[in-house]
Amino acid sequence: RVCCQHPFRHSEFQQICEKYFEWTPEKTDEYILPKIAERELRRFSNLRSTSSALGIKPLLSEIPVPCPVLAITKQRKVHGSEYYEVSWRNMHGLQSSVVPGDLIRRS
């Protein structure tokens, strides 16, 4: 719940990982940015689902959390499950990553 209420502070997170794990900023980005992007997509998806359950159908521009996905670039299978490679909008330099198919369908 805390993660959903507070914005991600990229440079602070890189500093913490460097201090405690001795990770370079690049390694931190490689491991963490795909998860942060997925978290933002979940926030967007949850708001859409909640709105729909309440009978409200806001326009995408009216949802307070913008959709972080710029485009779906390719469908993939990971361990037999459906995933999608997506390109991200404004995600701290992360260009693309793979996310679960059910998360894309709910969004």
PDB file of N, CA and C in Angstrom:
ATOM      1  N   ARG A   1       0.822  -1.189   0.000  1.00  0.00           N
ATOM      2  CA  ARG A   1       0.000   0.000   0.000  1.00  0.00           C
ATOM      3  C   ARG A   1       0.869   1.258   0.000  1.00  0.00           C
ATOM      4  N   VAL A   2       1.933   1.240   0.776  1.00  0.00           N
ATOM      5  CA  VAL A   2       2.814   2.403   0.836  1.00  0.00           C
ATOM      6  C   VAL A   2       3.391   2.705  -0.531  1.00  0.00           C
ATOM      7  N   CYS A   3       3.789   1.662  -1.277  1.00  0.00           N
ATOM      8  CA  CYS A   3       4.369   1.865  -2.600  1.00  0.00           C
ATOM      9  C   CYS A   3       3.403   2.565  -3.542  1.00  0.00           C
ATOM     10  N   CYS A   4       2.138   2.315  -3.389  1.00  0.00           N
ATOM     11  CA  CYS A   4       1.147   2.934  -4.268  1.00  0.00           C
ATOM     12  C   CYS A   4       0.872   4.378  -3.897  1.00  0.00           C
ATOM     13  N   GLN A   5       1.156   4.762  -2.665  1.00  0.00           N
ATOM     14  CA  GLN A   5       0.837   6.118  -2.223  1.00  0.00           C
ATOM     15  C   GLN A   5       1.994   7.085  -2.392  1.00  0.00           C
ATOM     16  N   HIS A   6       3.196   6.575  -2.566  1.00  0.00           N
ATOM     17  CA  HIS A   6       4.361   7.440  -2.684  1.00  0.00           C
ATOM     18  C   HIS A   6       5.026   7.249  -4.035  1.00  0.00           C
ATOM     19  N   PRO A   7       5.414   8.345  -4.670  1.00  0.00           N
ATOM     20  CA  PRO A   7       6.048   8.222  -5.978  1.00  0.00           C
ATOM     21  C   PRO A   7       7.449   7.612  -5.871  1.00  0.00           C
ATOM     22  N   PHE A   8       7.882   7.019  -6.929  1.00  0.00           N
ATOM     23  CA  PHE A   8       9.206   6.422  -7.010  1.00  0.00           C
ATOM     24  C   PHE A   8      10.236   7.531  -7.167  1.00  0.00           C
ATOM     25  N   ARG A   9      11.251   7.532  -6.327  1.00  0.00           N
ATOM     26  CA  ARG A   9      12.331   8.521  -6.411  1.00  0.00           C
ATOM     27  C   ARG A   9      13.582   7.809  -6.914  1.00  0.00           C
ATOM     28  N   HIS A  10      13.766   7.920  -8.193  1.00  0.00           N
ATOM     29  CA  HIS A  10      14.778   7.174  -8.925  1.00  0.00           C
ATOM     30  C   HIS A  10      16.184   7.363  -8.359  1.00  0.00           C
ATOM     31  N   SER A  11      16.665   8.587  -8.284  1.00  0.00           N
ATOM     32  CA  SER A  11      18.048   8.812  -7.858  1.00  0.00           C
ATOM     33  C   SER A  11      18.276   8.389  -6.407  1.00  0.00           C
ATOM     34  N   GLU A  12      17.282   8.606  -5.548  1.00  0.00           N
ATOM     35  CA  GLU A  12      17.417   8.172  -4.154  1.00  0.00           C
ATOM     36  C   GLU A  12      17.504   6.651  -4.070  1.00  0.00           C
ATOM     37  N   PHE A  13      16.723   5.969  -4.874  1.00  0.00           N
ATOM     38  CA  PHE A  13      16.746   4.513  -4.872  1.00  0.00           C
ATOM     39  C   PHE A  13      18.098   3.996  -5.354  1.00  0.00           C
ATOM     40  N   GLN A  14      18.648   4.636  -6.389  1.00  0.00           N
ATOM     41  CA  GLN A  14      19.966   4.249  -6.880  1.00  0.00           C
ATOM     42  C   GLN A  14      21.022   4.423  -5.785  1.00  0.00           C
ATOM     43  N   GLN A  15      20.943   5.510  -5.037  1.00  0.00           N
ATOM     44  CA  GLN A  15      21.903   5.767  -3.961  1.00  0.00           C
ATOM     45  C   GLN A  15      21.794   4.720  -2.852  1.00  0.00           C
ATOM     46  N   ILE A  16      20.583   4.350  -2.486  1.00  0.00           N
ATOM     47  CA  ILE A  16      20.378   3.333  -1.451  1.00  0.00           C
ATOM     48  C   ILE A  16      20.956   1.986  -1.895  1.00  0.00           C
ATOM     49  N   CYS A  17      20.682   1.599  -3.140  1.00  0.00           N
ATOM     50  CA  CYS A  17      21.197   0.322  -3.651  1.00  0.00           C
ATOM     51  C   CYS A  17      22.721   0.336  -3.750  1.00  0.00           C
ATOM     52  N   GLU A  18      23.276   1.490  -4.078  1.00  0.00           N
ATOM     53  CA  GLU A  18      24.733   1.586  -4.135  1.00  0.00           C
ATOM     54  C   GLU A  18      25.328   1.458  -2.731  1.00  0.00           C
ATOM     55  N   LYS A  19      24.708   2.108  -1.766  1.00  0.00           N
ATOM     56  CA  LYS A  19      25.214   2.096  -0.396  1.00  0.00           C
ATOM     57  C   LYS A  19      25.107   0.710   0.246  1.00  0.00           C
ATOM     58  N   TYR A  20      23.951   0.075   0.119  1.00  0.00           N
ATOM     59  CA  TYR A  20      23.716  -1.175   0.834  1.00  0.00           C
ATOM     60  C   TYR A  20      24.062  -2.441   0.051  1.00  0.00           C
ATOM     61  N   PHE A  21      23.966  -2.388  -1.278  1.00  0.00           N
ATOM     62  CA  PHE A  21      24.220  -3.587  -2.081  1.00  0.00           C
ATOM     63  C   PHE A  21      25.458  -3.455  -2.964  1.00  0.00           C
ATOM     64  N   GLU A  22      26.035  -2.244  -3.002  1.00  0.00           N
ATOM     65  CA  GLU A  22      27.176  -1.946  -3.869  1.00  0.00           C
ATOM     66  C   GLU A  22      26.836  -2.133  -5.342  1.00  0.00           C
ATOM     67  N   TRP A  23      25.590  -1.807  -5.699  1.00  0.00           N
ATOM     68  CA  TRP A  23      25.140  -1.892  -7.082  1.00  0.00           C
ATOM     69  C   TRP A  23      25.444  -0.571  -7.782  1.00  0.00           C
ATOM     70  N   THR A  24      25.816  -0.666  -9.036  1.00  0.00           N
ATOM     71  CA  THR A  24      25.964   0.534  -9.852  1.00  0.00           C
ATOM     72  C   THR A  24      24.554   1.051 -10.186  1.00  0.00           C
ATOM     73  N   PRO A  25      24.437   2.314 -10.571  1.00  0.00           N
ATOM     74  CA  PRO A  25      23.116   2.810 -10.999  1.00  0.00           C
ATOM     75  C   PRO A  25      22.535   1.984 -12.156  1.00  0.00           C
ATOM     76  N   GLU A  26      23.397   1.510 -13.049  1.00  0.00           N
ATOM     77  CA  GLU A  26      22.929   0.710 -14.186  1.00  0.00           C
ATOM     78  C   GLU A  26      22.348  -0.622 -13.722  1.00  0.00           C
ATOM     79  N   LYS A  27      22.998  -1.266 -12.761  1.00  0.00           N
ATOM     80  CA  LYS A  27      22.491  -2.536 -12.252  1.00  0.00           C
ATOM     81  C   LYS A  27      21.162  -2.328 -11.524  1.00  0.00           C
ATOM     82  N   THR A  28      21.078  -1.256 -10.746  1.00  0.00           N
ATOM     83  CA  THR A  28      19.823  -0.934 -10.059  1.00  0.00           C
ATOM     84  C   THR A  28      18.706  -0.750 -11.079  1.00  0.00           C
ATOM     85  N   ASP A  29      18.982   0.008 -12.129  1.00  0.00           N
ATOM     86  CA  ASP A  29      17.968   0.232 -13.164  1.00  0.00           C
ATOM     87  C   ASP A  29      17.565  -1.067 -13.845  1.00  0.00           C
ATOM     88  N   GLU A  30      18.519  -1.925 -14.115  1.00  0.00           N
ATOM     89  CA  GLU A  30      18.236  -3.193 -14.786  1.00  0.00           C
ATOM     90  C   GLU A  30      17.283  -4.061 -13.962  1.00  0.00           C
ATOM     91  N   TYR A  31      17.494  -4.098 -12.654  1.00  0.00           N
ATOM     92  CA  TYR A  31      16.668  -4.930 -11.782  1.00  0.00           C
ATOM     93  C   TYR A  31      15.370  -4.252 -11.349  1.00  0.00           C
ATOM     94  N   ILE A  32      15.437  -2.985 -11.070  1.00  0.00           N
ATOM     95  CA  ILE A  32      14.328  -2.300 -10.411  1.00  0.00           C
ATOM     96  C   ILE A  32      13.342  -1.631 -11.380  1.00  0.00           C
ATOM     97  N   LEU A  33      13.832  -0.989 -12.429  1.00  0.00           N
ATOM     98  CA  LEU A  33      12.924  -0.238 -13.299  1.00  0.00           C
ATOM     99  C   LEU A  33      11.808  -1.078 -13.920  1.00  0.00           C
ATOM    100  N   PRO A  34      12.056  -2.305 -14.367  1.00  0.00           N
ATOM    101  CA  PRO A  34      10.932  -3.096 -14.878  1.00  0.00           C
ATOM    102  C   PRO A  34       9.849  -3.333 -13.813  1.00  0.00           C
ATOM    103  N   LYS A  35      10.252  -3.524 -12.565  1.00  0.00           N
ATOM    104  CA  LYS A  35       9.276  -3.728 -11.488  1.00  0.00           C
ATOM    105  C   LYS A  35       8.519  -2.435 -11.171  1.00  0.00           C
ATOM    106  N   ILE A  36       9.197  -1.312 -11.209  1.00  0.00           N
ATOM    107  CA  ILE A  36       8.534  -0.028 -10.969  1.00  0.00           C
ATOM    108  C   ILE A  36       7.537   0.252 -12.092  1.00  0.00           C
ATOM    109  N   ALA A  37       7.928  -0.032 -13.323  1.00  0.00           N
ATOM    110  CA  ALA A  37       7.024   0.160 -14.455  1.00  0.00           C
ATOM    111  C   ALA A  37       5.794  -0.730 -14.323  1.00  0.00           C
ATOM    112  N   GLU A  38       6.009  -1.976 -13.929  1.00  0.00           N
ATOM    113  CA  GLU A  38       4.885  -2.896 -13.730  1.00  0.00           C
ATOM    114  C   GLU A  38       3.983  -2.409 -12.600  1.00  0.00           C
ATOM    115  N   ARG A  39       4.576  -1.871 -11.549  1.00  0.00           N
ATOM    116  CA  ARG A  39       3.791  -1.311 -10.438  1.00  0.00           C
ATOM    117  C   ARG A  39       2.899  -0.174 -10.926  1.00  0.00           C
ATOM    118  N   GLU A  40       3.448   0.697 -11.761  1.00  0.00           N
ATOM    119  CA  GLU A  40       2.657   1.817 -12.297  1.00  0.00           C
ATOM    120  C   GLU A  40       1.518   1.307 -13.174  1.00  0.00           C
ATOM    121  N   LEU A  41       1.786   0.262 -13.947  1.00  0.00           N
ATOM    122  CA  LEU A  41       0.720  -0.322 -14.774  1.00  0.00           C
ATOM    123  C   LEU A  41      -0.351  -0.941 -13.888  1.00  0.00           C
ATOM    124  N   ARG A  42       0.036  -1.586 -12.787  1.00  0.00           N
ATOM    125  CA  ARG A  42      -0.940  -2.149 -11.846  1.00  0.00           C
ATOM    126  C   ARG A  42      -1.787  -1.048 -11.211  1.00  0.00           C
ATOM    127  N   ARG A  43      -1.169   0.055 -10.859  1.00  0.00           N
ATOM    128  CA  ARG A  43      -1.928   1.186 -10.289  1.00  0.00           C
ATOM    129  C   ARG A  43      -2.981   1.661 -11.284  1.00  0.00           C
ATOM    130  N   PHE A  44      -2.570   1.836 -12.525  1.00  0.00           N
ATOM    131  CA  PHE A  44      -3.493   2.275 -13.569  1.00  0.00           C
ATOM    132  C   PHE A  44      -4.617   1.260 -13.747  1.00  0.00           C
ATOM    133  N   SER A  45      -4.243  -0.019 -13.827  1.00  0.00           N
ATOM    134  CA  SER A  45      -5.211  -1.087 -14.016  1.00  0.00           C
ATOM    135  C   SER A  45      -6.201  -1.161 -12.857  1.00  0.00           C
ATOM    136  N   ASN A  46      -5.695  -1.044 -11.636  1.00  0.00           N
ATOM    137  CA  ASN A  46      -6.571  -1.091 -10.460  1.00  0.00           C
ATOM    138  C   ASN A  46      -7.567   0.065 -10.440  1.00  0.00           C
ATOM    139  N   LEU A  47      -7.127   1.248 -10.819  1.00  0.00           N
ATOM    140  CA  LEU A  47      -8.054   2.387 -10.880  1.00  0.00           C
ATOM    141  C   LEU A  47      -9.134   2.162 -11.931  1.00  0.00           C
ATOM    142  N   ARG A  48      -8.743   1.616 -13.081  1.00  0.00           N
ATOM    143  CA  ARG A  48      -9.741   1.330 -14.119  1.00  0.00           C
ATOM    144  C   ARG A  48     -10.721   0.267 -13.653  1.00  0.00           C
ATOM    145  N   SER A  49     -10.223  -0.780 -13.002  1.00  0.00           N
ATOM    146  CA  SER A  49     -11.089  -1.860 -12.519  1.00  0.00           C
ATOM    147  C   SER A  49     -12.058  -1.359 -11.458  1.00  0.00           C
ATOM    148  N   THR A  50     -11.544  -0.568 -10.533  1.00  0.00           N
ATOM    149  CA  THR A  50     -12.386  -0.024  -9.467  1.00  0.00           C
ATOM    150  C   THR A  50     -13.458   0.891 -10.042  1.00  0.00           C
ATOM    151  N   SER A  51     -13.068   1.743 -10.980  1.00  0.00           N
ATOM    152  CA  SER A  51     -14.035   2.636 -11.616  1.00  0.00           C
ATOM    153  C   SER A  51     -15.124   1.843 -12.322  1.00  0.00           C
ATOM    154  N   SER A  52     -14.716   0.814 -13.034  1.00  0.00           N
ATOM    155  CA  SER A  52     -15.665  -0.016 -13.762  1.00  0.00           C
ATOM    156  C   SER A  52     -16.616  -0.728 -12.802  1.00  0.00           C
ATOM    157  N   ALA A  53     -16.082  -1.239 -11.689  1.00  0.00           N
ATOM    158  CA  ALA A  53     -16.919  -1.934 -10.693  1.00  0.00           C
ATOM    159  C   ALA A  53     -17.946  -0.994 -10.086  1.00  0.00           C
ATOM    160  N   LEU A  54     -17.610   0.292 -10.019  1.00  0.00           N
ATOM    161  CA  LEU A  54     -18.533   1.285  -9.473  1.00  0.00           C
ATOM    162  C   LEU A  54     -19.488   1.831 -10.532  1.00  0.00           C
ATOM    163  N   GLY A  55     -19.340   1.345 -11.761  1.00  0.00           N
ATOM    164  CA  GLY A  55     -20.203   1.805 -12.840  1.00  0.00           C
ATOM    165  C   GLY A  55     -19.758   3.117 -13.458  1.00  0.00           C
ATOM    166  N   ILE A  56     -18.531   3.506 -13.187  1.00  0.00           N
ATOM    167  CA  ILE A  56     -17.975   4.744 -13.730  1.00  0.00           C
ATOM    168  C   ILE A  56     -17.044   4.382 -14.871  1.00  0.00           C
ATOM    169  N   LYS A  57     -17.184   5.072 -15.991  1.00  0.00           N
ATOM    170  CA  LYS A  57     -16.319   4.799 -17.138  1.00  0.00           C
ATOM    171  C   LYS A  57     -15.623   6.097 -17.565  1.00  0.00           C
ATOM    172  N   PRO A  58     -14.586   6.493 -16.802  1.00  0.00           N
ATOM    173  CA  PRO A  58     -13.891   7.733 -17.154  1.00  0.00           C
ATOM    174  C   PRO A  58     -13.051   7.572 -18.421  1.00  0.00           C
ATOM    175  N   LEU A  59     -12.836   8.675 -19.103  1.00  0.00           N
ATOM    176  CA  LEU A  59     -11.928   8.671 -20.241  1.00  0.00           C
ATOM    177  C   LEU A  59     -10.517   8.447 -19.723  1.00  0.00           C
ATOM    178  N   LEU A  60      -9.648   7.916 -20.563  1.00  0.00           N
ATOM    179  CA  LEU A  60      -8.271   7.681 -20.132  1.00  0.00           C
ATOM    180  C   LEU A  60      -7.613   8.955 -19.616  1.00  0.00           C
ATOM    181  N   SER A  61      -7.953  10.088 -20.223  1.00  0.00           N
ATOM    182  CA  SER A  61      -7.365  11.361 -19.805  1.00  0.00           C
ATOM    183  C   SER A  61      -7.872  11.827 -18.436  1.00  0.00           C
ATOM    184  N   GLU A  62      -8.964  11.237 -17.953  1.00  0.00           N
ATOM    185  CA  GLU A  62      -9.534  11.628 -16.660  1.00  0.00           C
ATOM    186  C   GLU A  62      -9.037  10.782 -15.492  1.00  0.00           C
ATOM    187  N   ILE A  63      -8.349   9.690 -15.770  1.00  0.00           N
ATOM    188  CA  ILE A  63      -7.843   8.835 -14.707  1.00  0.00           C
ATOM    189  C   ILE A  63      -6.611   9.509 -14.108  1.00  0.00           C
ATOM    190  N   PRO A  64      -6.550   9.660 -12.775  1.00  0.00           N
ATOM    191  CA  PRO A  64      -5.447  10.409 -12.156  1.00  0.00           C
ATOM    192  C   PRO A  64      -4.075   9.770 -12.311  1.00  0.00           C
ATOM    193  N   VAL A  65      -4.008   8.487 -12.609  1.00  0.00           N
ATOM    194  CA  VAL A  65      -2.736   7.804 -12.859  1.00  0.00           C
ATOM    195  C   VAL A  65      -2.694   7.523 -14.355  1.00  0.00           C
ATOM    196  N   PRO A  66      -1.754   8.132 -15.085  1.00  0.00           N
ATOM    197  CA  PRO A  66      -1.721   7.906 -16.532  1.00  0.00           C
ATOM    198  C   PRO A  66      -1.259   6.492 -16.876  1.00  0.00           C
ATOM    199  N   CYS A  67      -1.717   6.008 -18.001  1.00  0.00           N
ATOM    200  CA  CYS A  67      -1.283   4.683 -18.468  1.00  0.00           C
ATOM    201  C   CYS A  67       0.191   4.780 -18.863  1.00  0.00           C
ATOM    202  N   PRO A  68       1.049   3.986 -18.213  1.00  0.00           N
ATOM    203  CA  PRO A  68       2.476   4.086 -18.505  1.00  0.00           C
ATOM    204  C   PRO A  68       2.911   3.354 -19.776  1.00  0.00           C
ATOM    205  N   VAL A  69       2.021   2.546 -20.364  1.00  0.00           N
ATOM    206  CA  VAL A  69       2.379   1.785 -21.558  1.00  0.00           C
ATOM    207  C   VAL A  69       2.202   2.658 -22.789  1.00  0.00           C
ATOM    208  N   LEU A  70       3.257   2.763 -23.567  1.00  0.00           N
ATOM    209  CA  LEU A  70       3.200   3.508 -24.815  1.00  0.00           C
ATOM    210  C   LEU A  70       2.662   2.619 -25.937  1.00  0.00           C
ATOM    211  N   ALA A  71       3.147   1.361 -25.968  1.00  0.00           N
ATOM    212  CA  ALA A  71       2.703   0.431 -27.015  1.00  0.00           C
ATOM    213  C   ALA A  71       3.026  -1.001 -26.616  1.00  0.00           C
ATOM    214  N   ILE A  72       2.228  -1.914 -27.139  1.00  0.00           N
ATOM    215  CA  ILE A  72       2.537  -3.336 -27.017  1.00  0.00           C
ATOM    216  C   ILE A  72       3.332  -3.691 -28.263  1.00  0.00           C
ATOM    217  N   THR A  73       4.545  -4.190 -28.070  1.00  0.00           N
ATOM    218  CA  THR A  73       5.398  -4.438 -29.230  1.00  0.00           C
ATOM    219  C   THR A  73       5.399  -5.884 -29.693  1.00  0.00           C
ATOM    220  N   LYS A  74       5.140  -6.828 -28.755  1.00  0.00           N
ATOM    221  CA  LYS A  74       5.181  -8.223 -29.170  1.00  0.00           C
ATOM    222  C   LYS A  74       4.583  -9.112 -28.089  1.00  0.00           C
ATOM    223  N   GLN A  75       3.939 -10.182 -28.515  1.00  0.00           N
ATOM    224  CA  GLN A  75       3.417 -11.184 -27.586  1.00  0.00           C
ATOM    225  C   GLN A  75       4.517 -12.216 -27.350  1.00  0.00           C
ATOM    226  N   ARG A  76       4.625 -12.691 -26.105  1.00  0.00           N
ATOM    227  CA  ARG A  76       5.662 -13.671 -25.762  1.00  0.00           C
ATOM    228  C   ARG A  76       5.078 -14.765 -24.884  1.00  0.00           C
ATOM    229  N   LYS A  77       5.780 -15.878 -24.816  1.00  0.00           N
ATOM    230  CA  LYS A  77       5.453 -16.959 -23.876  1.00  0.00           C
ATOM    231  C   LYS A  77       6.644 -17.082 -22.930  1.00  0.00           C
ATOM    232  N   VAL A  78       6.367 -17.067 -21.629  1.00  0.00           N
ATOM    233  CA  VAL A  78       7.396 -17.241 -20.614  1.00  0.00           C
ATOM    234  C   VAL A  78       6.940 -18.387 -19.723  1.00  0.00           C
ATOM    235  N   HIS A  79       7.674 -19.482 -19.749  1.00  0.00           N
ATOM    236  CA  HIS A  79       7.316 -20.684 -18.995  1.00  0.00           C
ATOM    237  C   HIS A  79       5.877 -21.105 -19.280  1.00  0.00           C
ATOM    238  N   GLY A  80       5.462 -20.986 -20.538  1.00  0.00           N
ATOM    239  CA  GLY A  80       4.138 -21.409 -20.955  1.00  0.00           C
ATOM    240  C   GLY A  80       3.026 -20.413 -20.682  1.00  0.00           C
ATOM    241  N   SER A  81       3.346 -19.288 -20.062  1.00  0.00           N
ATOM    242  CA  SER A  81       2.331 -18.270 -19.758  1.00  0.00           C
ATOM    243  C   SER A  81       2.424 -17.116 -20.744  1.00  0.00           C
ATOM    244  N   GLU A  82       1.287 -16.452 -20.935  1.00  0.00           N
ATOM    245  CA  GLU A  82       1.215 -15.338 -21.871  1.00  0.00           C
ATOM    246  C   GLU A  82       1.793 -14.074 -21.248  1.00  0.00           C
ATOM    247  N   TYR A  83       2.701 -13.453 -21.972  1.00  0.00           N
ATOM    248  CA  TYR A  83       3.301 -12.179 -21.580  1.00  0.00           C
ATOM    249  C   TYR A  83       3.327 -11.269 -22.791  1.00  0.00           C
ATOM    250  N   TYR A  84       3.555  -9.976 -22.551  1.00  0.00           N
ATOM    251  CA  TYR A  84       3.699  -9.020 -23.639  1.00  0.00           C
ATOM    252  C   TYR A  84       4.935  -8.171 -23.404  1.00  0.00           C
ATOM    253  N   GLU A  85       5.655  -7.934 -24.472  1.00  0.00           N
ATOM    254  CA  GLU A  85       6.726  -6.948 -24.415  1.00  0.00           C
ATOM    255  C   GLU A  85       6.077  -5.604 -24.711  1.00  0.00           C
ATOM    256  N   VAL A  86       6.311  -4.639 -23.841  1.00  0.00           N
ATOM    257  CA  VAL A  86       5.700  -3.328 -24.006  1.00  0.00           C
ATOM    258  C   VAL A  86       6.778  -2.251 -23.991  1.00  0.00           C
ATOM    259  N   SER A  87       6.495  -1.148 -24.639  1.00  0.00           N
ATOM    260  CA  SER A  87       7.369   0.020 -24.530  1.00  0.00           C
ATOM    261  C   SER A  87       6.705   0.977 -23.550  1.00  0.00           C
ATOM    262  N   TRP A  88       7.531   1.648 -22.769  1.00  0.00           N
ATOM    263  CA  TRP A  88       7.050   2.477 -21.664  1.00  0.00           C
ATOM    264  C   TRP A  88       7.105   3.957 -21.983  1.00  0.00           C
ATOM    265  N   ARG A  89       6.218   4.679 -21.357  1.00  0.00           N
ATOM    266  CA  ARG A  89       6.150   6.135 -21.478  1.00  0.00           C
ATOM    267  C   ARG A  89       6.736   6.740 -20.195  1.00  0.00           C
ATOM    268  N   ASN A  90       7.758   7.561 -20.325  1.00  0.00           N
ATOM    269  CA  ASN A  90       8.320   8.316 -19.194  1.00  0.00           C
ATOM    270  C   ASN A  90       8.652   7.427 -17.995  1.00  0.00           C
ATOM    271  N   MET A  91       9.483   6.422 -18.209  1.00  0.00           N
ATOM    272  CA  MET A  91       9.780   5.482 -17.129  1.00  0.00           C
ATOM    273  C   MET A  91      11.273   5.504 -16.805  1.00  0.00           C
ATOM    274  N   HIS A  92      11.811   6.678 -16.534  1.00  0.00           N
ATOM    275  CA  HIS A  92      13.191   6.841 -16.071  1.00  0.00           C
ATOM    276  C   HIS A  92      14.209   6.208 -17.010  1.00  0.00           C
ATOM    277  N   GLY A  93      13.954   6.277 -18.289  1.00  0.00           N
ATOM    278  CA  GLY A  93      14.886   5.737 -19.269  1.00  0.00           C
ATOM    279  C   GLY A  93      14.626   4.293 -19.675  1.00  0.00           C
ATOM    280  N   LEU A  94      13.716   3.597 -18.986  1.00  0.00           N
ATOM    281  CA  LEU A  94      13.385   2.222 -19.370  1.00  0.00           C
ATOM    282  C   LEU A  94      12.592   2.278 -20.674  1.00  0.00           C
ATOM    283  N   GLN A  95      13.111   1.615 -21.685  1.00  0.00           N
ATOM    284  CA  GLN A  95      12.446   1.629 -22.985  1.00  0.00           C
ATOM    285  C   GLN A  95      11.373   0.557 -23.108  1.00  0.00           C
ATOM    286  N   SER A  96      11.719  -0.676 -22.693  1.00  0.00           N
ATOM    287  CA  SER A  96      10.753  -1.768 -22.827  1.00  0.00           C
ATOM    288  C   SER A  96      11.050  -2.851 -21.795  1.00  0.00           C
ATOM    289  N   SER A  97      10.030  -3.674 -21.539  1.00  0.00           N
ATOM    290  CA  SER A  97      10.186  -4.856 -20.686  1.00  0.00           C
ATOM    291  C   SER A  97       9.004  -5.777 -20.952  1.00  0.00           C
ATOM    292  N   VAL A  98       9.019  -6.919 -20.290  1.00  0.00           N
ATOM    293  CA  VAL A  98       7.986  -7.931 -20.486  1.00  0.00           C
ATOM    294  C   VAL A  98       7.094  -7.953 -19.247  1.00  0.00           C
ATOM    295  N   VAL A  99       5.766  -7.947 -19.469  1.00  0.00           N
ATOM    296  CA  VAL A  99       4.800  -7.953 -18.370  1.00  0.00           C
ATOM    297  C   VAL A  99       3.779  -9.072 -18.580  1.00  0.00           C
ATOM    298  N   PRO A 100       3.162  -9.548 -17.494  1.00  0.00           N
ATOM    299  CA  PRO A 100       2.160 -10.616 -17.615  1.00  0.00           C
ATOM    300  C   PRO A 100       0.980 -10.204 -18.492  1.00  0.00           C
ATOM    301  N   GLY A 101       0.490 -11.165 -19.270  1.00  0.00           N
ATOM    302  CA  GLY A 101      -0.624 -10.906 -20.174  1.00  0.00           C
ATOM    303  C   GLY A 101      -1.888 -10.477 -19.468  1.00  0.00           C
ATOM    304  N   ASP A 102      -2.168 -11.056 -18.282  1.00  0.00           N
ATOM    305  CA  ASP A 102      -3.390 -10.673 -17.576  1.00  0.00           C
ATOM    306  C   ASP A 102      -3.365  -9.216 -17.157  1.00  0.00           C
ATOM    307  N   LEU A 103      -2.209  -8.681 -16.877  1.00  0.00           N
ATOM    308  CA  LEU A 103      -2.100  -7.272 -16.498  1.00  0.00           C
ATOM    309  C   LEU A 103      -2.417  -6.363 -17.694  1.00  0.00           C
ATOM    310  N   ILE A 104      -1.989  -6.758 -18.872  1.00  0.00           N
ATOM    311  CA  ILE A 104      -2.308  -5.979 -20.072  1.00  0.00           C
ATOM    312  C   ILE A 104      -3.792  -6.065 -20.393  1.00  0.00           C
ATOM    313  N   ARG A 105      -4.377  -7.246 -20.271  1.00  0.00           N
ATOM    314  CA  ARG A 105      -5.803  -7.407 -20.577  1.00  0.00           C
ATOM    315  C   ARG A 105      -6.672  -6.595 -19.619  1.00  0.00           C
ATOM    316  N   ARG A 106      -6.277  -6.519 -18.338  1.00  0.00           N
ATOM    317  CA  ARG A 106      -7.075  -5.751 -17.361  1.00  0.00           C
ATOM    318  C   ARG A 106      -6.979  -4.260 -17.584  1.00  0.00           C
ATOM    319  N   SER A 107      -5.911  -3.819 -18.229  1.00  0.00           N
ATOM    320  CA  SER A 107      -5.708  -2.389 -18.441  1.00  0.00           C
ATOM    321  C   SER A 107      -6.480  -1.953 -19.638  1.00  0.00           C
TER     322      SER A 107
END
